[in-house]
Amino acid sequence: MARKILEVVGLNKHFGGIYVTRDVDFEMSEGDQSAIIGPNGAGKTTFFNLLTGHHSPDSGRIVFDGQDITNWPPHTIARIGISRAFQVSNIFPRLTVMENVRSAVHSHLGVAMNMFTRANRVGIAETEEVVALCGLTDKLDVLAGRLSQGDKKKLELAIALANKPKLLFLDEPTAGMSRDETQETMNLVDRLNKDLGLTILFTEHDMSVVFSHARRVTLLHRGEIIVEGTPNAVRDNETAKQIYLGKQQI
């Protein structure tokens, strides 16, 4: 039986009088690849923000790899092995692919990015390894801002992987992509999960992506988990159909 890597217990968060996360219990085992779905305003982004330290919960606990990380700051959470790739690209458009990834590698290694010191030689092997993993070796010297949408997402993944995470959060990984780019990106996500054993949790509005690539699906609505289970179980659930899936193309 796989080891539990993430456990969320009774998580609550409200802004003013509105609960955006209400009594959420959630867990993942090592090697899982799961998806969280739900309509806009369901609380998906807030949930990710809570898990990565960008928001503090009003109550509840977050346990990662056996440690209670509730209320830890984002940089400390990143250091112990949680990375996140955002829906809105978090790259530096005027830096090359190599420079973007190396800055993330340097951050993970605790080395200042300074082109005029010995740090210029640090992290080259690590950078090239991550870039190759994400299929960007032939674009090392291309400015990030000139990449296609699909390659920008690959670069975002490479930056997240530079932290050598145990758990990776992906926020709308295929947003704005063509069909071919979507398939290529999700094939990469599958390889990271299967070949590296990386535990992955993603949000996604494209239900064909969700039901083709997640092995477990959680439906969030108004901050609460409504349905959770295998893709087939969630797809066939009448409550899930009424709340969300009936309006989607599956």
Foldseek 3Di string as FASTA:
>chain_A
DFAWFKWWAQFWADDVPATLAGGDTDTDGQLAAEEEEEDPSLNPVVVVCQQQQVDATPDIFMAGRRRTCHNPHNVVSLLVFEFEQAPPQPFDQQAFLLVRLLCLLCVLVVHDDDCVDPSVVPPNVVSCVLCVLLPNNVRRRPRLNPDDPLVSLSSSVSSRCSSVHQEYEYEASCPPHDPVSLVSRLVSVQCCSPVVSRHYYYYHQQVVSNLVRHQKYFYGGSNYTDDIGGSVVLQPDPVNCVRPVVVHDD
